[in-house]
C-alpha atoms as a PDB file:
ATOM      1  CA  MET A   1    -101.257 -67.490   4.363  1.00  0.00           C
ATOM      2  CA  CYS A   2     -99.580 -65.447   6.785  1.00  0.00           C
ATOM      3  CA  ILE A   3     -97.217 -63.795   3.680  1.00  0.00           C
ATOM      4  CA  ILE A   4    -100.182 -62.604   2.113  1.00  0.00           C
ATOM      5  CA  ILE A   5    -102.107 -61.451   5.212  1.00  0.00           C
ATOM      6  CA  CYS A   6     -98.568 -59.300   6.204  1.00  0.00           C
ATOM      7  CA  CYS A   7     -98.419 -57.848   2.712  1.00  0.00           C
ATOM      8  CA  PHE A   8    -102.272 -57.006   3.100  1.00  0.00           C
ATOM      9  CA  LEU A   9    -101.596 -54.944   6.004  1.00  0.00           C
ATOM     10  CA  VAL A  10     -98.033 -53.714   4.692  1.00  0.00           C
ATOM     11  CA  PHE A  11    -100.142 -52.378   1.894  1.00  0.00           C
ATOM     12  CA  PHE A  12    -102.883 -50.525   3.900  1.00  0.00           C
ATOM     13  CA  PHE A  13    -101.042 -48.687   6.302  1.00  0.00           C
ATOM     14  CA  ILE A  14     -98.291 -47.443   3.962  1.00  0.00           C
ATOM     15  CA  ARG A  15    -100.394 -46.612   1.088  1.00  0.00           C
ATOM     16  CA  PRO A  16    -102.016 -44.012   3.100  1.00  0.00           C
ATOM     17  CA  ARG A  17     -99.235 -42.090   4.310  1.00  0.00           C
ATOM     18  CA  LYS A  18     -97.497 -41.640   0.934  1.00  0.00           C
ATOM     19  CA  GLN A  19    -100.679 -40.465  -0.213  1.00  0.00           C
ATOM     20  CA  SER A  20    -101.061 -38.169   2.539  1.00  0.00           C
ATOM     21  CA  LEU A  21     -97.670 -36.761   1.694  1.00  0.00           C
ATOM     22  CA  LYS A  22     -98.606 -35.127  -1.431  1.00  0.00           C
ATOM     23  CA  HIS A  23    -101.159 -33.119   0.720  1.00  0.00           C
ATOM     24  CA  ASP A  24     -98.951 -32.141   3.281  1.00  0.00           C
ATOM     25  CA  PRO A  25     -97.445 -28.099   2.897  1.00  0.00           C
ATOM     26  CA  SER A  26     -94.185 -28.633   4.279  1.00  0.00           C
ATOM     27  CA  PHE A  27     -93.753 -31.200   1.553  1.00  0.00           C
ATOM     28  CA  GLN A  28     -95.469 -29.161  -0.944  1.00  0.00           C
ATOM     29  CA  ARG A  29     -92.845 -26.313  -0.642  1.00  0.00           C
ATOM     30  CA  ASP A  30     -90.083 -28.743  -0.392  1.00  0.00           C
ATOM     31  CA  TYR A  31     -90.791 -30.349  -3.456  1.00  0.00           C
ATOM     32  CA  GLN A  32     -90.965 -26.560  -5.133  1.00  0.00           C
ATOM     33  CA  ALA A  33     -88.258 -25.095  -3.992  1.00  0.00           C
ATOM     34  CA  PHE A  34     -85.966 -28.533  -5.607  1.00  0.00           C
ATOM     35  CA  VAL A  35     -87.533 -27.959  -8.764  1.00  0.00           C
ATOM     36  CA  GLN A  36     -86.693 -24.584  -8.750  1.00  0.00           C
ATOM     37  CA  SER A  37     -83.695 -25.352  -7.793  1.00  0.00           C
ATOM     38  CA  LEU A  38     -83.089 -27.890 -10.422  1.00  0.00           C
ATOM     39  CA  GLU A  39     -84.442 -25.241 -13.336  1.00  0.00           C
ATOM     40  CA  ILE A  40     -81.879 -22.800 -12.380  1.00  0.00           C
ATOM     41  CA  ILE A  41     -78.833 -25.298 -12.527  1.00  0.00           C
ATOM     42  CA  ASN A  42     -80.864 -26.120 -15.803  1.00  0.00           C
ATOM     43  CA  LYS A  43     -80.479 -22.927 -17.161  1.00  0.00           C
ATOM     44  CA  LYS A  44     -76.875 -22.017 -16.107  1.00  0.00           C
ATOM     45  CA  GLU A  45     -75.756 -25.335 -17.495  1.00  0.00           C
ATOM     46  CA  TYR A  46     -77.547 -24.431 -20.954  1.00  0.00           C
ATOM     47  CA  GLU A  47     -76.008 -21.079 -20.773  1.00  0.00           C
ATOM     48  CA  LYS A  48     -72.557 -22.695 -20.443  1.00  0.00           C
ATOM     49  CA  TYR A  49     -72.690 -25.345 -23.126  1.00  0.00           C
ATOM     50  CA  ASN A  50     -74.094 -22.990 -25.473  1.00  0.00           C
ATOM     51  CA  HIS A  51     -73.153 -19.602 -25.406  1.00  0.00           C
ATOM     52  CA  SER A  52     -70.685 -20.450 -28.284  1.00  0.00           C
ATOM     53  CA  PHE A  53     -73.643 -21.449 -30.549  1.00  0.00           C
ATOM     54  CA  GLN A  54     -75.754 -18.301 -30.243  1.00  0.00           C
ATOM     55  CA  ARG A  55     -76.107 -16.183 -33.608  1.00  0.00           C
ATOM     56  CA  MET A  56     -74.061 -13.631 -33.898  1.00  0.00           C
ATOM     57  CA  LYS A  57     -74.354 -10.261 -36.182  1.00  0.00           C
ATOM     58  CA  VAL A  58     -71.919 -10.626 -38.804  1.00  0.00           C
ATOM     59  CA  VAL A  59     -69.890  -7.272 -39.285  1.00  0.00           C
ATOM     60  CA  LEU A  60     -67.338  -7.032 -42.476  1.00  0.00           C
ATOM     61  CA  SER A  61     -64.396  -5.053 -40.889  1.00  0.00           C
ATOM     62  CA  PRO A  62     -60.436  -5.185 -41.633  1.00  0.00           C
ATOM     63  CA  PHE A  63     -58.775  -8.192 -39.877  1.00  0.00           C
ATOM     64  CA  ASP A  64     -55.533  -9.955 -39.571  1.00  0.00           C
ATOM     65  CA  PRO A  65     -56.012 -13.380 -39.949  1.00  0.00           C
ATOM     66  CA  ASN A  66     -52.325 -14.264 -38.326  1.00  0.00           C
ATOM     67  CA  THR A  67     -53.654 -12.552 -35.247  1.00  0.00           C
ATOM     68  CA  ALA A  68     -57.513 -12.465 -35.205  1.00  0.00           C
ATOM     69  CA  ASP A  69     -59.267 -13.965 -32.612  1.00  0.00           C
ATOM     70  CA  SER A  70     -61.881 -16.530 -32.854  1.00  0.00           C
ATOM     71  CA  ALA A  71     -64.710 -14.028 -31.850  1.00  0.00           C
ATOM     72  CA  THR A  72     -63.275 -11.861 -34.398  1.00  0.00           C
ATOM     73  CA  PHE A  73     -63.694 -15.053 -37.475  1.00  0.00           C
ATOM     74  CA  LEU A  74     -67.592 -15.221 -35.660  1.00  0.00           C
ATOM     75  CA  ARG A  75     -68.581 -11.758 -36.396  1.00  0.00           C
ATOM     76  CA  LEU A  76     -67.028 -12.241 -40.305  1.00  0.00           C
ATOM     77  CA  GLY A  77     -69.714 -14.695 -40.417  1.00  0.00           C
ATOM     78  CA  LEU A  78     -67.501 -17.980 -40.110  1.00  0.00           C
ATOM     79  CA  PRO A  79     -69.145 -20.783 -38.680  1.00  0.00           C
ATOM     80  CA  PRO A  80     -67.095 -21.956 -35.140  1.00  0.00           C
ATOM     81  CA  TRP A  81     -65.748 -25.108 -36.524  1.00  0.00           C
ATOM     82  CA  MET A  82     -63.929 -23.037 -39.338  1.00  0.00           C
ATOM     83  CA  ALA A  83     -62.520 -20.372 -36.923  1.00  0.00           C
ATOM     84  CA  LYS A  84     -61.554 -23.568 -34.475  1.00  0.00           C
ATOM     85  CA  ASN A  85     -59.547 -24.641 -37.296  1.00  0.00           C
ATOM     86  CA  ILE A  86     -57.868 -21.984 -38.438  1.00  0.00           C
ATOM     87  CA  LEU A  87     -56.806 -21.322 -34.861  1.00  0.00           C
ATOM     88  CA  LYS A  88     -55.230 -24.598 -35.084  1.00  0.00           C
ATOM     89  CA  TYR A  89     -53.263 -23.679 -38.371  1.00  0.00           C
ATOM     90  CA  ARG A  90     -51.652 -20.598 -36.085  1.00  0.00           C
ATOM     91  CA  ALA A  91     -51.066 -23.024 -33.503  1.00  0.00           C
ATOM     92  CA  LYS A  92     -49.050 -25.656 -35.691  1.00  0.00           C
ATOM     93  CA  GLY A  93     -47.054 -22.826 -36.865  1.00  0.00           C
ATOM     94  CA  GLY A  94     -49.251 -21.860 -40.265  1.00  0.00           C
ATOM     95  CA  LYS A  95     -49.277 -17.864 -40.967  1.00  0.00           C
ATOM     96  CA  PHE A  96     -50.967 -15.804 -43.708  1.00  0.00           C
ATOM     97  CA  ARG A  97     -48.387 -14.158 -45.724  1.00  0.00           C
ATOM     98  CA  LYS A  98     -50.745 -12.737 -48.752  1.00  0.00           C
ATOM     99  CA  PRO A  99     -54.482 -12.449 -48.954  1.00  0.00           C
ATOM    100  CA  GLU A 100     -54.740 -14.982 -51.361  1.00  0.00           C
ATOM    101  CA  ASP A 101     -53.587 -17.613 -48.768  1.00  0.00           C
ATOM    102  CA  PHE A 102     -56.961 -17.511 -46.883  1.00  0.00           C
ATOM    103  CA  ARG A 103     -58.362 -19.281 -49.153  1.00  0.00           C
ATOM    104  CA  LYS A 104     -57.145 -22.593 -48.651  1.00  0.00           C
ATOM    105  CA  ILE A 105     -58.787 -22.846 -45.532  1.00  0.00           C
ATOM    106  CA  TYR A 106     -61.133 -26.049 -45.124  1.00  0.00           C
ATOM    107  CA  GLY A 107     -64.397 -25.490 -46.102  1.00  0.00           C
ATOM    108  CA  LEU A 108     -63.904 -21.659 -46.915  1.00  0.00           C
ATOM    109  CA  THR A 109     -66.055 -21.199 -50.177  1.00  0.00           C
ATOM    110  CA  ASP A 110     -65.951 -19.216 -53.415  1.00  0.00           C
ATOM    111  CA  GLU A 111     -68.201 -16.819 -52.561  1.00  0.00           C
ATOM    112  CA  GLN A 112     -67.354 -16.329 -48.853  1.00  0.00           C
ATOM    113  CA  PHE A 113     -63.850 -15.511 -49.907  1.00  0.00           C
ATOM    114  CA  ALA A 114     -64.863 -12.826 -52.133  1.00  0.00           C
ATOM    115  CA  VAL A 115     -66.797 -11.251 -49.744  1.00  0.00           C
ATOM    116  CA  LEU A 116     -63.650 -11.242 -47.078  1.00  0.00           C
ATOM    117  CA  TYR A 117     -60.967 -10.895 -49.144  1.00  0.00           C
ATOM    118  CA  PRO A 118     -61.405  -6.483 -49.368  1.00  0.00           C
ATOM    119  CA  TYR A 119     -60.902  -6.807 -45.891  1.00  0.00           C
ATOM    120  CA  ILE A 120     -57.901  -8.929 -45.760  1.00  0.00           C
ATOM    121  CA  THR A 121     -54.881  -7.354 -43.970  1.00  0.00           C
ATOM    122  CA  ILE A 122     -51.481  -8.554 -43.702  1.00  0.00           C
ATOM    123  CA  HIS A 123     -49.606  -6.777 -40.971  1.00  0.00           C
ATOM    124  CA  GLU A 124     -46.731  -9.111 -40.493  1.00  0.00           C
ATOM    125  CA  GLU A 125     -43.327  -8.630 -42.612  1.00  0.00           C
ATOM    126  CA  ALA A 126     -42.013 -11.369 -44.512  1.00  0.00           C
ATOM    127  CA  THR A 127     -40.315 -14.390 -42.928  1.00  0.00           C
ATOM    128  CA  LYS A 128     -36.802 -15.661 -43.101  1.00  0.00           C
ATOM    129  CA  LYS A 129     -37.734 -17.792 -45.546  1.00  0.00           C
ATOM    130  CA  ASP A 130     -39.958 -15.027 -48.328  1.00  0.00           C
ATOM    131  CA  THR A 131     -37.290 -12.703 -48.002  1.00  0.00           C
ATOM    132  CA  VAL A 132     -34.172 -15.786 -49.184  1.00  0.00           C
ATOM    133  CA  ARG A 133     -37.189 -16.181 -52.296  1.00  0.00           C
ATOM    134  CA  ILE A 134     -37.578 -12.548 -52.686  1.00  0.00           C
ATOM    135  CA  LEU A 135     -33.537 -11.197 -52.929  1.00  0.00           C
ATOM    136  CA  ALA A 136     -33.255 -14.410 -55.387  1.00  0.00           C
ATOM    137  CA  GLN A 137     -35.468 -13.086 -57.899  1.00  0.00           C
ATOM    138  CA  ARG A 138     -33.573 -10.715 -60.215  1.00  0.00           C
ATOM    139  CA  ASP A 139     -37.279  -9.090 -61.404  1.00  0.00           C
ATOM    140  CA  THR A 140     -38.847  -8.118 -58.185  1.00  0.00           C
ATOM    141  CA  THR A 141     -41.169  -6.580 -59.665  1.00  0.00           C
ATOM    142  CA  HIS A 142     -43.017  -9.636 -60.656  1.00  0.00           C
ATOM    143  CA  LEU A 143     -43.344 -11.066 -56.825  1.00  0.00           C
ATOM    144  CA  TYR A 144     -46.348  -8.575 -56.429  1.00  0.00           C
ATOM    145  CA  PRO A 145     -48.793  -7.083 -59.107  1.00  0.00           C
ATOM    146  CA  VAL A 146     -48.617  -3.420 -59.476  1.00  0.00           C
ATOM    147  CA  LYS A 147     -51.647  -1.825 -58.510  1.00  0.00           C
ATOM    148  CA  TYR A 148     -53.590   0.732 -61.095  1.00  0.00           C
ATOM    149  CA  THR A 149     -53.839   4.475 -60.200  1.00  0.00           C
ATOM    150  CA  VAL A 150     -57.689   5.556 -59.625  1.00  0.00           C
ATOM    151  CA  GLY A 151     -58.990   6.640 -63.191  1.00  0.00           C
ATOM    152  CA  THR A 152     -57.625   3.548 -65.027  1.00  0.00           C
ATOM    153  CA  LYS A 153     -60.895   1.794 -66.608  1.00  0.00           C
ATOM    154  CA  LEU A 154     -60.431  -1.516 -68.331  1.00  0.00           C
ATOM    155  CA  GLU A 155     -63.018  -3.030 -70.323  1.00  0.00           C
ATOM    156  CA  ILE A 156     -64.472  -5.842 -69.023  1.00  0.00           C
ATOM    157  CA  ASN A 157     -65.491  -8.076 -71.456  1.00  0.00           C
ATOM    158  CA  THR A 158     -61.640  -7.646 -72.942  1.00  0.00           C
ATOM    159  CA  THR A 159     -59.647  -8.032 -69.869  1.00  0.00           C
ATOM    160  CA  ASP A 160     -57.593 -11.013 -68.617  1.00  0.00           C
ATOM    161  CA  THR A 161     -56.830 -12.459 -65.243  1.00  0.00           C
ATOM    162  CA  ALA A 162     -53.621 -10.487 -65.208  1.00  0.00           C
ATOM    163  CA  GLU A 163     -55.015  -7.003 -65.460  1.00  0.00           C
ATOM    164  CA  LEU A 164     -57.584  -7.596 -63.419  1.00  0.00           C
ATOM    165  CA  LYS A 165     -55.603  -8.436 -60.522  1.00  0.00           C
ATOM    166  CA  LYS A 166     -54.058  -5.098 -60.686  1.00  0.00           C
ATOM    167  CA  ILE A 167     -56.844  -3.496 -59.745  1.00  0.00           C
ATOM    168  CA  PRO A 168     -56.818  -2.643 -55.813  1.00  0.00           C
ATOM    169  CA  GLY A 169     -58.736  -5.344 -54.011  1.00  0.00           C
ATOM    170  CA  ILE A 170     -59.046  -7.550 -56.866  1.00  0.00           C
ATOM    171  CA  GLY A 171     -57.226 -10.968 -56.057  1.00  0.00           C
ATOM    172  CA  SER A 172     -56.497 -14.287 -58.189  1.00  0.00           C
ATOM    173  CA  GLY A 173     -59.566 -15.700 -56.335  1.00  0.00           C
ATOM    174  CA  ILE A 174     -61.810 -12.961 -57.609  1.00  0.00           C
ATOM    175  CA  ALA A 175     -60.553 -12.571 -61.441  1.00  0.00           C
ATOM    176  CA  LYS A 176     -60.901 -16.062 -61.964  1.00  0.00           C
ATOM    177  CA  MET A 177     -64.588 -15.577 -60.888  1.00  0.00           C
ATOM    178  CA  ILE A 178     -65.485 -12.931 -62.865  1.00  0.00           C
ATOM    179  CA  ILE A 179     -63.518 -14.391 -66.080  1.00  0.00           C
ATOM    180  CA  ARG A 180     -65.500 -17.480 -65.459  1.00  0.00           C
ATOM    181  CA  TYR A 181     -68.798 -15.882 -65.116  1.00  0.00           C
ATOM    182  CA  ARG A 182     -67.834 -13.789 -68.275  1.00  0.00           C
ATOM    183  CA  GLN A 183     -67.538 -16.911 -70.320  1.00  0.00           C
ATOM    184  CA  GLN A 184     -70.582 -18.490 -68.970  1.00  0.00           C
ATOM    185  CA  LEU A 185     -72.620 -15.605 -70.001  1.00  0.00           C
ATOM    186  CA  GLY A 186     -70.831 -14.399 -72.985  1.00  0.00           C
ATOM    187  CA  GLY A 187     -69.963 -11.379 -71.223  1.00  0.00           C
ATOM    188  CA  PHE A 188     -71.479  -8.548 -69.376  1.00  0.00           C
ATOM    189  CA  TYR A 189     -74.307  -5.888 -70.454  1.00  0.00           C
ATOM    190  CA  SER A 190     -73.671  -4.459 -66.710  1.00  0.00           C
ATOM    191  CA  ILE A 191     -71.592  -4.256 -63.616  1.00  0.00           C
ATOM    192  CA  ARG A 192     -74.213  -4.770 -61.554  1.00  0.00           C
ATOM    193  CA  GLN A 193     -74.146  -8.521 -63.244  1.00  0.00           C
ATOM    194  CA  LEU A 194     -71.188  -9.013 -61.287  1.00  0.00           C
ATOM    195  CA  ASP A 195     -73.390  -9.000 -57.859  1.00  0.00           C
ATOM    196  CA  GLU A 196     -74.802 -12.287 -59.188  1.00  0.00           C
ATOM    197  CA  ILE A 197     -71.511 -14.103 -58.264  1.00  0.00           C
ATOM    198  CA  HIS A 198     -71.758 -12.047 -54.915  1.00  0.00           C
ATOM    199  CA  LEU A 199     -69.215  -9.559 -55.404  1.00  0.00           C
ATOM    200  CA  ILE A 200     -69.877  -6.416 -54.658  1.00  0.00           C
ATOM    201  CA  SER A 201     -70.215  -4.228 -57.831  1.00  0.00           C
ATOM    202  CA  ALA A 202     -70.848  -0.591 -56.438  1.00  0.00           C
ATOM    203  CA  ASN A 203     -67.161  -1.222 -55.090  1.00  0.00           C
ATOM    204  CA  ILE A 204     -65.730  -1.938 -58.531  1.00  0.00           C
ATOM    205  CA  ALA A 205     -67.332  -0.167 -60.644  1.00  0.00           C
ATOM    206  CA  LYS A 206     -65.088   2.854 -60.745  1.00  0.00           C
ATOM    207  CA  TRP A 207     -62.669   0.273 -63.072  1.00  0.00           C
ATOM    208  CA  PHE A 208     -64.444  -0.924 -65.595  1.00  0.00           C
ATOM    209  CA  THR A 209     -66.271   0.153 -68.466  1.00  0.00           C
ATOM    210  CA  VAL A 210     -68.671  -1.867 -70.439  1.00  0.00           C
ATOM    211  CA  ASN A 211     -69.680  -2.722 -74.367  1.00  0.00           C
ATOM    212  CA  PRO A 212     -72.473  -5.066 -74.425  1.00  0.00           C
ATOM    213  CA  THR A 213     -71.847  -5.328 -78.506  1.00  0.00           C
ATOM    214  CA  MET A 214     -69.324  -7.821 -77.938  1.00  0.00           C
ATOM    215  CA  ILE A 215     -71.363 -10.148 -76.484  1.00  0.00           C
ATOM    216  CA  ASN A 216     -70.917 -13.671 -77.639  1.00  0.00           C
ATOM    217  CA  ARG A 217     -74.730 -13.850 -78.187  1.00  0.00           C
ATOM    218  CA  ILE A 218     -76.753 -17.699 -78.210  1.00  0.00           C
ATOM    219  CA  LYS A 219     -78.486 -19.253 -81.409  1.00  0.00           C
ATOM    220  CA  ILE A 220     -81.986 -19.659 -80.002  1.00  0.00           C
ATOM    221  CA  ASN A 221     -82.723 -21.442 -83.178  1.00  0.00           C
ATOM    222  CA  ARG A 222     -80.225 -23.717 -83.453  1.00  0.00           C
ATOM    223  CA  LEU A 223     -78.755 -24.819 -80.408  1.00  0.00           C
ATOM    224  CA  GLY A 224     -80.453 -28.199 -78.774  1.00  0.00           C
ATOM    225  CA  LEU A 225     -81.714 -28.316 -74.911  1.00  0.00           C
ATOM    226  CA  ASN A 226     -78.297 -28.968 -73.367  1.00  0.00           C
ATOM    227  CA  ARG A 227     -76.745 -26.182 -74.835  1.00  0.00           C
ATOM    228  CA  LEU A 228     -79.486 -23.804 -74.227  1.00  0.00           C
ATOM    229  CA  ASN A 229     -79.589 -25.181 -70.426  1.00  0.00           C
ATOM    230  CA  ALA A 230     -76.165 -24.310 -69.934  1.00  0.00           C
ATOM    231  CA  HIS A 231     -75.747 -20.450 -69.840  1.00  0.00           C
ATOM    232  CA  PRO A 232     -76.738 -19.187 -66.688  1.00  0.00           C
ATOM    233  CA  TYR A 233     -80.334 -17.376 -67.517  1.00  0.00           C
ATOM    234  CA  VAL A 234     -81.841 -20.649 -69.412  1.00  0.00           C
ATOM    235  CA  ASN A 235     -83.180 -23.080 -66.664  1.00  0.00           C
ATOM    236  CA  PHE A 236     -83.827 -26.451 -68.006  1.00  0.00           C
ATOM    237  CA  TYR A 237     -87.847 -25.934 -67.929  1.00  0.00           C
ATOM    238  CA  GLN A 238     -86.879 -22.828 -70.278  1.00  0.00           C
ATOM    239  CA  ALA A 239     -84.901 -24.747 -72.410  1.00  0.00           C
ATOM    240  CA  LYS A 240     -87.562 -27.335 -72.826  1.00  0.00           C
ATOM    241  CA  VAL A 241     -90.226 -24.466 -74.057  1.00  0.00           C
ATOM    242  CA  ILE A 242     -88.072 -23.413 -76.488  1.00  0.00           C
ATOM    243  CA  VAL A 243     -87.045 -26.597 -77.908  1.00  0.00           C
ATOM    244  CA  GLU A 244     -91.078 -27.557 -78.079  1.00  0.00           C
ATOM    245  CA  HIS A 245     -91.739 -24.206 -79.729  1.00  0.00           C
ATOM    246  CA  ARG A 246     -89.483 -24.546 -82.465  1.00  0.00           C
ATOM    247  CA  ARG A 247     -90.840 -28.182 -82.661  1.00  0.00           C
ATOM    248  CA  LYS A 248     -94.418 -26.975 -83.506  1.00  0.00           C
ATOM    249  CA  HIS A 249     -94.501 -23.623 -84.367  1.00  0.00           C
ATOM    250  CA  GLY A 250     -91.097 -23.128 -85.988  1.00  0.00           C
ATOM    251  CA  ILE A 251     -88.145 -20.808 -85.664  1.00  0.00           C
ATOM    252  CA  ILE A 252     -88.380 -18.479 -83.118  1.00  0.00           C
ATOM    253  CA  THR A 253     -88.032 -14.371 -84.717  1.00  0.00           C
ATOM    254  CA  ASN A 254     -88.412 -12.445 -80.817  1.00  0.00           C
ATOM    255  CA  LEU A 255     -89.261 -13.123 -77.589  1.00  0.00           C
ATOM    256  CA  GLN A 256     -92.409 -12.032 -77.236  1.00  0.00           C
ATOM    257  CA  GLN A 257     -93.538 -15.336 -78.241  1.00  0.00           C
ATOM    258  CA  LEU A 258     -91.719 -16.815 -75.376  1.00  0.00           C
ATOM    259  CA  ALA A 259     -93.761 -14.409 -73.408  1.00  0.00           C
ATOM    260  CA  LEU A 260     -96.966 -16.398 -73.757  1.00  0.00           C
ATOM    261  CA  TYR A 261     -95.540 -19.285 -71.435  1.00  0.00           C
ATOM    262  CA  GLU A 262     -95.658 -18.931 -67.641  1.00  0.00           C
ATOM    263  CA  GLU A 263     -91.991 -20.305 -67.126  1.00  0.00           C
ATOM    264  CA  PHE A 264     -90.763 -16.800 -68.724  1.00  0.00           C
ATOM    265  CA  CYS A 265     -91.703 -13.753 -67.004  1.00  0.00           C
ATOM    266  CA  GLU A 266     -90.352 -10.340 -67.231  1.00  0.00           C
ATOM    267  CA  SER A 267     -87.195  -9.560 -66.102  1.00  0.00           C
ATOM    268  CA  ASP A 268     -86.026 -13.204 -67.331  1.00  0.00           C
ATOM    269  CA  LEU A 269     -86.720 -11.532 -71.117  1.00  0.00           C
ATOM    270  CA  GLU A 270     -85.503  -8.410 -70.419  1.00  0.00           C
ATOM    271  CA  ARG A 271     -81.882  -9.866 -69.447  1.00  0.00           C
ATOM    272  CA  LEU A 272     -82.079 -12.474 -72.362  1.00  0.00           C
ATOM    273  CA  LYS A 273     -82.395  -9.653 -74.785  1.00  0.00           C
ATOM    274  CA  TYR A 274     -78.483  -9.197 -74.587  1.00  0.00           C
ATOM    275  CA  TYR A 275     -77.788 -12.921 -75.264  1.00  0.00           C
ATOM    276  CA  ILE A 276     -80.015 -14.222 -77.897  1.00  0.00           C
ATOM    277  CA  SER A 277     -79.498 -13.980 -81.658  1.00  0.00           C
ATOM    278  CA  PHE A 278     -82.269 -15.310 -83.855  1.00  0.00           C
ATOM    279  CA  ASP A 279     -80.035 -16.628 -86.851  1.00  0.00           C
END
């Protein structure tokens, strides 16, 4: 009983004291000052640890991957972890001896490399290892392809990888991308189609001519669903519409028959007209 009475007295006298602190002006001032100091500390810590993750404006400019710092790589649009990997590679003695070596960076996609390739500039001279290899070659003209002079024109639907690499700004990676996409399409009807694989067609259009008559057309009345869908300009649903239309209405004689379906818009039919054969 004595213990119960003591607890009751303690609770009765201490509780009003705690409640009175909440209404004490001095206590309120100290409490607000404490909260503001915590907010300032938290803001500084956030800026300290999150500064490297702030979005940077992408600025494409010439750079040497052997000397560029992390800020340069970030401005080029590379993520922080990739910039860190490049610096680690260089710290271990790794070097980029030619622009194509930059393609070996882990995580770098073909599209990213194609965009950065024209801006890669290697300033350092060849290492001793490279010098020995060059001297060992009897015909040094085959080590680096001779670039074409301004005014040279190539037919984009017939040229090969070796010829493409002779165009200034085009290396092995970009040349393979162009050839691979040409094979998927069946040929080009416009240089602007290179924009579809993230190349800047305006920068290299002066080196090419285009002959749309050399395009390999697809036989729309004979190919099955999978073969139709394999073309970059025909998705699965469009291929299915073509097959169903042939089954219900017979052969297709013109593309306007496909305009009745919502799966095809005007721009789809406009670019398909170069690749369709009604044989």
